[in-house]
């Protein structure tokens, strides 16, 4: 069932047809990161120009736990993918929902949308009768991303490294 957000944004299930719009979100955020000097998180090249990244986003949008937030004009402003834990983090020890992907537009009417999408993940966990959520993120740079997830109620669990990319695993109990 779709969820209505402020500024006429609606959360709905994603599909492979949404992949080009989600890639545009990644490209938008990467350009913003480059302006800020944050090139360690996702690099400097648009994801839409990298076949491996395009394939990953298409696969993610096809997952049953893929969601997008769409405005009243049909523009996708955020994407969230929930599902199984990523292979590079310690395995779960209890039932959980894992936040596999979160990306939100820098557009003014999308302000606060990342936090709203994380609250939506909580709602999905509650609906499924699951009390545990985990997420991983870039653990380098200024640490702002880790602090964002902490502000959403997540606590640091462990750090990890994937081929020189520093990561942080966080978790939350509902």
C-alpha atoms as a PDB file:
ATOM      1  CA  UNK A   1       0.000   0.000   0.000  1.00  0.00           C
ATOM      2  CA  UNK A   2       1.472   3.397  -0.957  1.00  0.00           C
ATOM      3  CA  UNK A   3       2.358   5.849   1.791  1.00  0.00           C
ATOM      4  CA  UNK A   4       1.685   9.592   1.339  1.00  0.00           C
ATOM      5  CA  UNK A   5       4.438  11.987   2.400  1.00  0.00           C
ATOM      6  CA  UNK A   6       4.598  15.756   2.883  1.00  0.00           C
ATOM      7  CA  UNK A   7       4.973  17.778  -0.332  1.00  0.00           C
ATOM      8  CA  UNK A   8       2.787  15.227  -2.160  1.00  0.00           C
ATOM      9  CA  UNK A   9       5.452  12.514  -2.135  1.00  0.00           C
ATOM     10  CA  UNK A  10       4.247   8.906  -2.212  1.00  0.00           C
ATOM     11  CA  UNK A  11       6.210   5.773  -1.325  1.00  0.00           C
ATOM     12  CA  UNK A  12       5.435   2.916  -3.685  1.00  0.00           C
ATOM     13  CA  UNK A  13       6.991  -0.383  -4.696  1.00  0.00           C
ATOM     14  CA  UNK A  14       9.819  -0.019  -7.189  1.00  0.00           C
ATOM     15  CA  UNK A  15      10.350  -1.959 -10.392  1.00  0.00           C
ATOM     16  CA  UNK A  16      13.104  -2.355 -12.970  1.00  0.00           C
ATOM     17  CA  UNK A  17      11.382   0.435 -14.919  1.00  0.00           C
ATOM     18  CA  UNK A  18      12.406   2.804 -12.086  1.00  0.00           C
ATOM     19  CA  UNK A  19      16.126   2.009 -12.441  1.00  0.00           C
ATOM     20  CA  UNK A  20      16.930   4.950 -14.783  1.00  0.00           C
ATOM     21  CA  UNK A  21      15.359   7.399 -12.297  1.00  0.00           C
ATOM     22  CA  UNK A  22      17.211   5.807  -9.378  1.00  0.00           C
ATOM     23  CA  UNK A  23      20.462   6.033 -11.353  1.00  0.00           C
ATOM     24  CA  UNK A  24      19.746   9.756 -11.858  1.00  0.00           C
ATOM     25  CA  UNK A  25      19.440  10.070  -8.056  1.00  0.00           C
ATOM     26  CA  UNK A  26      22.842   8.430  -7.624  1.00  0.00           C
ATOM     27  CA  UNK A  27      24.331  10.711 -10.294  1.00  0.00           C
ATOM     28  CA  UNK A  28      22.831  13.768  -8.549  1.00  0.00           C
ATOM     29  CA  UNK A  29      24.186  12.741  -5.153  1.00  0.00           C
ATOM     30  CA  UNK A  30      27.625  11.857  -6.553  1.00  0.00           C
ATOM     31  CA  UNK A  31      27.882  15.308  -8.176  1.00  0.00           C
ATOM     32  CA  UNK A  32      27.006  16.852  -4.801  1.00  0.00           C
ATOM     33  CA  UNK A  33      29.573  14.639  -3.049  1.00  0.00           C
ATOM     34  CA  UNK A  34      32.259  15.694  -5.543  1.00  0.00           C
ATOM     35  CA  UNK A  35      31.430  19.374  -4.870  1.00  0.00           C
ATOM     36  CA  UNK A  36      31.888  18.673  -1.135  1.00  0.00           C
ATOM     37  CA  UNK A  37      35.140  16.779  -1.674  1.00  0.00           C
ATOM     38  CA  UNK A  38      33.597  13.453  -0.612  1.00  0.00           C
ATOM     39  CA  UNK A  39      34.979  11.246  -3.364  1.00  0.00           C
ATOM     40  CA  UNK A  40      35.667   8.195  -1.203  1.00  0.00           C
ATOM     41  CA  UNK A  41      32.081   7.079  -0.731  1.00  0.00           C
ATOM     42  CA  UNK A  42      30.905   6.373  -4.287  1.00  0.00           C
ATOM     43  CA  UNK A  43      33.708   7.786  -6.428  1.00  0.00           C
ATOM     44  CA  UNK A  44      33.494  10.639  -8.902  1.00  0.00           C
ATOM     45  CA  UNK A  45      31.927   9.053 -11.967  1.00  0.00           C
ATOM     46  CA  UNK A  46      28.167   9.009 -12.584  1.00  0.00           C
ATOM     47  CA  UNK A  47      26.722   5.585 -11.850  1.00  0.00           C
ATOM     48  CA  UNK A  48      24.655   5.785 -15.033  1.00  0.00           C
ATOM     49  CA  UNK A  49      27.953   5.645 -16.999  1.00  0.00           C
ATOM     50  CA  UNK A  50      29.206   2.492 -15.242  1.00  0.00           C
ATOM     51  CA  UNK A  51      27.685  -0.758 -16.572  1.00  0.00           C
ATOM     52  CA  UNK A  52      28.364  -2.650 -13.325  1.00  0.00           C
ATOM     53  CA  UNK A  53      26.552   0.045 -11.286  1.00  0.00           C
ATOM     54  CA  UNK A  54      23.669   0.141 -13.781  1.00  0.00           C
ATOM     55  CA  UNK A  55      23.276  -3.633 -13.404  1.00  0.00           C
ATOM     56  CA  UNK A  56      23.348  -3.370  -9.589  1.00  0.00           C
ATOM     57  CA  UNK A  57      20.652  -0.699  -9.549  1.00  0.00           C
ATOM     58  CA  UNK A  58      18.483  -2.666 -11.980  1.00  0.00           C
ATOM     59  CA  UNK A  59      18.819  -5.776  -9.808  1.00  0.00           C
ATOM     60  CA  UNK A  60      18.065  -3.766  -6.661  1.00  0.00           C
ATOM     61  CA  UNK A  61      14.934  -2.186  -8.170  1.00  0.00           C
ATOM     62  CA  UNK A  62      13.643  -5.667  -9.067  1.00  0.00           C
ATOM     63  CA  UNK A  63      13.860  -6.939  -5.479  1.00  0.00           C
ATOM     64  CA  UNK A  64      10.594  -7.404  -3.563  1.00  0.00           C
ATOM     65  CA  UNK A  65      11.795  -4.984  -0.866  1.00  0.00           C
ATOM     66  CA  UNK A  66      12.508  -2.121  -3.291  1.00  0.00           C
ATOM     67  CA  UNK A  67      10.598   1.130  -2.783  1.00  0.00           C
ATOM     68  CA  UNK A  68      10.703   4.615  -4.294  1.00  0.00           C
ATOM     69  CA  UNK A  69       9.343   7.972  -3.153  1.00  0.00           C
ATOM     70  CA  UNK A  70       7.679   9.778  -6.014  1.00  0.00           C
ATOM     71  CA  UNK A  71       6.406  13.353  -6.174  1.00  0.00           C
ATOM     72  CA  UNK A  72       3.074  14.449  -7.637  1.00  0.00           C
ATOM     73  CA  UNK A  73       4.716  15.064 -11.016  1.00  0.00           C
ATOM     74  CA  UNK A  74       6.056  11.507 -11.200  1.00  0.00           C
ATOM     75  CA  UNK A  75       9.696  12.329 -10.340  1.00  0.00           C
ATOM     76  CA  UNK A  76      11.408   9.804  -8.116  1.00  0.00           C
ATOM     77  CA  UNK A  77      13.066  11.598  -5.187  1.00  0.00           C
ATOM     78  CA  UNK A  78      14.349   8.629  -3.136  1.00  0.00           C
ATOM     79  CA  UNK A  79      14.882   4.886  -3.254  1.00  0.00           C
ATOM     80  CA  UNK A  80      15.026   2.340  -0.447  1.00  0.00           C
ATOM     81  CA  UNK A  81      15.769  -1.368  -0.755  1.00  0.00           C
ATOM     82  CA  UNK A  82      15.090  -3.717   2.143  1.00  0.00           C
ATOM     83  CA  UNK A  83      16.054  -7.375   2.262  1.00  0.00           C
ATOM     84  CA  UNK A  84      18.807  -9.739   3.272  1.00  0.00           C
ATOM     85  CA  UNK A  85      22.121  -8.561   4.714  1.00  0.00           C
ATOM     86  CA  UNK A  86      24.964  -7.760   2.387  1.00  0.00           C
ATOM     87  CA  UNK A  87      27.559 -10.551   2.078  1.00  0.00           C
ATOM     88  CA  UNK A  88      30.395  -8.451   3.499  1.00  0.00           C
ATOM     89  CA  UNK A  89      28.831  -7.940   6.967  1.00  0.00           C
ATOM     90  CA  UNK A  90      28.566 -10.456   9.821  1.00  0.00           C
ATOM     91  CA  UNK A  91      25.521 -12.718   9.431  1.00  0.00           C
ATOM     92  CA  UNK A  92      22.384 -11.967  11.381  1.00  0.00           C
ATOM     93  CA  UNK A  93      21.815 -13.613  14.728  1.00  0.00           C
ATOM     94  CA  UNK A  94      18.040 -13.018  14.807  1.00  0.00           C
ATOM     95  CA  UNK A  95      15.309 -12.200  12.280  1.00  0.00           C
ATOM     96  CA  UNK A  96      15.950  -8.815  10.730  1.00  0.00           C
ATOM     97  CA  UNK A  97      15.274  -6.437   7.902  1.00  0.00           C
ATOM     98  CA  UNK A  98      18.414  -5.070   6.300  1.00  0.00           C
ATOM     99  CA  UNK A  99      18.528  -1.662   4.635  1.00  0.00           C
ATOM    100  CA  UNK A 100      20.449  -2.580   1.492  1.00  0.00           C
ATOM    101  CA  UNK A 101      20.188   0.794  -0.222  1.00  0.00           C
ATOM    102  CA  UNK A 102      19.040   4.306   0.578  1.00  0.00           C
ATOM    103  CA  UNK A 103      19.493   7.286  -1.718  1.00  0.00           C
ATOM    104  CA  UNK A 104      17.591  10.570  -1.660  1.00  0.00           C
ATOM    105  CA  UNK A 105      17.546  13.605  -3.911  1.00  0.00           C
ATOM    106  CA  UNK A 106      19.130  16.909  -3.010  1.00  0.00           C
ATOM    107  CA  UNK A 107      15.998  18.645  -4.429  1.00  0.00           C
ATOM    108  CA  UNK A 108      14.435  21.111  -1.945  1.00  0.00           C
ATOM    109  CA  UNK A 109      11.111  19.264  -1.764  1.00  0.00           C
ATOM    110  CA  UNK A 110      12.988  16.095  -0.778  1.00  0.00           C
ATOM    111  CA  UNK A 111      14.399  17.596   2.430  1.00  0.00           C
ATOM    112  CA  UNK A 112      14.018  15.076   5.265  1.00  0.00           C
ATOM    113  CA  UNK A 113      13.128  12.291   2.867  1.00  0.00           C
ATOM    114  CA  UNK A 114      16.071  10.061   3.851  1.00  0.00           C
ATOM    115  CA  UNK A 115      14.878  10.126   7.457  1.00  0.00           C
ATOM    116  CA  UNK A 116      11.296   9.440   6.326  1.00  0.00           C
ATOM    117  CA  UNK A 117      12.449   6.463   4.258  1.00  0.00           C
ATOM    118  CA  UNK A 118      14.234   5.062   7.321  1.00  0.00           C
ATOM    119  CA  UNK A 119      11.000   5.463   9.311  1.00  0.00           C
ATOM    120  CA  UNK A 120       9.256   3.608   6.484  1.00  0.00           C
ATOM    121  CA  UNK A 121      11.803   0.782   6.936  1.00  0.00           C
ATOM    122  CA  UNK A 122      10.752   0.659  10.607  1.00  0.00           C
ATOM    123  CA  UNK A 123       7.107   0.423   9.521  1.00  0.00           C
ATOM    124  CA  UNK A 124       7.909  -2.427   7.145  1.00  0.00           C
ATOM    125  CA  UNK A 125       9.750  -4.305   9.896  1.00  0.00           C
ATOM    126  CA  UNK A 126       6.850  -3.837  12.301  1.00  0.00           C
ATOM    127  CA  UNK A 127       4.374  -5.039   9.671  1.00  0.00           C
ATOM    128  CA  UNK A 128       6.503  -8.156   9.157  1.00  0.00           C
ATOM    129  CA  UNK A 129       6.739  -8.770  12.910  1.00  0.00           C
ATOM    130  CA  UNK A 130      10.496  -8.163  12.894  1.00  0.00           C
ATOM    131  CA  UNK A 131      12.106  -6.169  15.698  1.00  0.00           C
ATOM    132  CA  UNK A 132      15.683  -5.845  14.348  1.00  0.00           C
ATOM    133  CA  UNK A 133      17.010  -3.688  11.521  1.00  0.00           C
ATOM    134  CA  UNK A 134      20.580  -3.293  10.329  1.00  0.00           C
ATOM    135  CA  UNK A 135      22.225  -1.015   7.788  1.00  0.00           C
ATOM    136  CA  UNK A 136      25.756  -0.430   6.597  1.00  0.00           C
ATOM    137  CA  UNK A 137      27.237   2.741   5.236  1.00  0.00           C
ATOM    138  CA  UNK A 138      30.427   4.527   4.297  1.00  0.00           C
ATOM    139  CA  UNK A 139      32.414   4.869   7.479  1.00  0.00           C
ATOM    140  CA  UNK A 140      35.039   7.282   6.153  1.00  0.00           C
ATOM    141  CA  UNK A 141      35.071  10.959   5.373  1.00  0.00           C
ATOM    142  CA  UNK A 142      33.545  13.321   7.902  1.00  0.00           C
ATOM    143  CA  UNK A 143      31.432  10.626   9.579  1.00  0.00           C
ATOM    144  CA  UNK A 144      28.238  12.534   8.738  1.00  0.00           C
ATOM    145  CA  UNK A 145      26.564   9.472   7.220  1.00  0.00           C
ATOM    146  CA  UNK A 146      27.181   7.361  10.318  1.00  0.00           C
ATOM    147  CA  UNK A 147      25.792  10.201  12.448  1.00  0.00           C
ATOM    148  CA  UNK A 148      22.716  10.386  10.184  1.00  0.00           C
ATOM    149  CA  UNK A 149      21.898   6.728  10.869  1.00  0.00           C
ATOM    150  CA  UNK A 150      22.565   7.242  14.573  1.00  0.00           C
ATOM    151  CA  UNK A 151      20.073  10.134  14.510  1.00  0.00           C
ATOM    152  CA  UNK A 152      17.550   7.616  13.112  1.00  0.00           C
ATOM    153  CA  UNK A 153      18.014   5.428  16.194  1.00  0.00           C
ATOM    154  CA  UNK A 154      20.761   3.102  14.947  1.00  0.00           C
ATOM    155  CA  UNK A 155      23.818   2.170  17.009  1.00  0.00           C
ATOM    156  CA  UNK A 156      27.268   1.246  15.788  1.00  0.00           C
ATOM    157  CA  UNK A 157      27.902  -2.504  15.742  1.00  0.00           C
ATOM    158  CA  UNK A 158      31.166  -3.040  13.836  1.00  0.00           C
ATOM    159  CA  UNK A 159      33.474  -1.546  11.269  1.00  0.00           C
ATOM    160  CA  UNK A 160      34.571  -3.426   8.172  1.00  0.00           C
ATOM    161  CA  UNK A 161      36.654  -2.914   5.039  1.00  0.00           C
ATOM    162  CA  UNK A 162      35.755  -3.891   1.481  1.00  0.00           C
ATOM    163  CA  UNK A 163      38.813  -3.509  -0.757  1.00  0.00           C
ATOM    164  CA  UNK A 164      39.897  -0.300   0.973  1.00  0.00           C
ATOM    165  CA  UNK A 165      36.353   1.085   1.368  1.00  0.00           C
ATOM    166  CA  UNK A 166      35.767   1.723   5.100  1.00  0.00           C
ATOM    167  CA  UNK A 167      32.331   0.644   6.233  1.00  0.00           C
ATOM    168  CA  UNK A 168      30.249   0.927   9.359  1.00  0.00           C
ATOM    169  CA  UNK A 169      27.566  -1.587  10.352  1.00  0.00           C
ATOM    170  CA  UNK A 170      24.757  -0.216  12.488  1.00  0.00           C
ATOM    171  CA  UNK A 171      21.659  -1.759  14.029  1.00  0.00           C
ATOM    172  CA  UNK A 172      18.391  -0.830  15.674  1.00  0.00           C
ATOM    173  CA  UNK A 173      15.818  -2.625  17.825  1.00  0.00           C
ATOM    174  CA  UNK A 174      12.188  -1.599  17.521  1.00  0.00           C
END
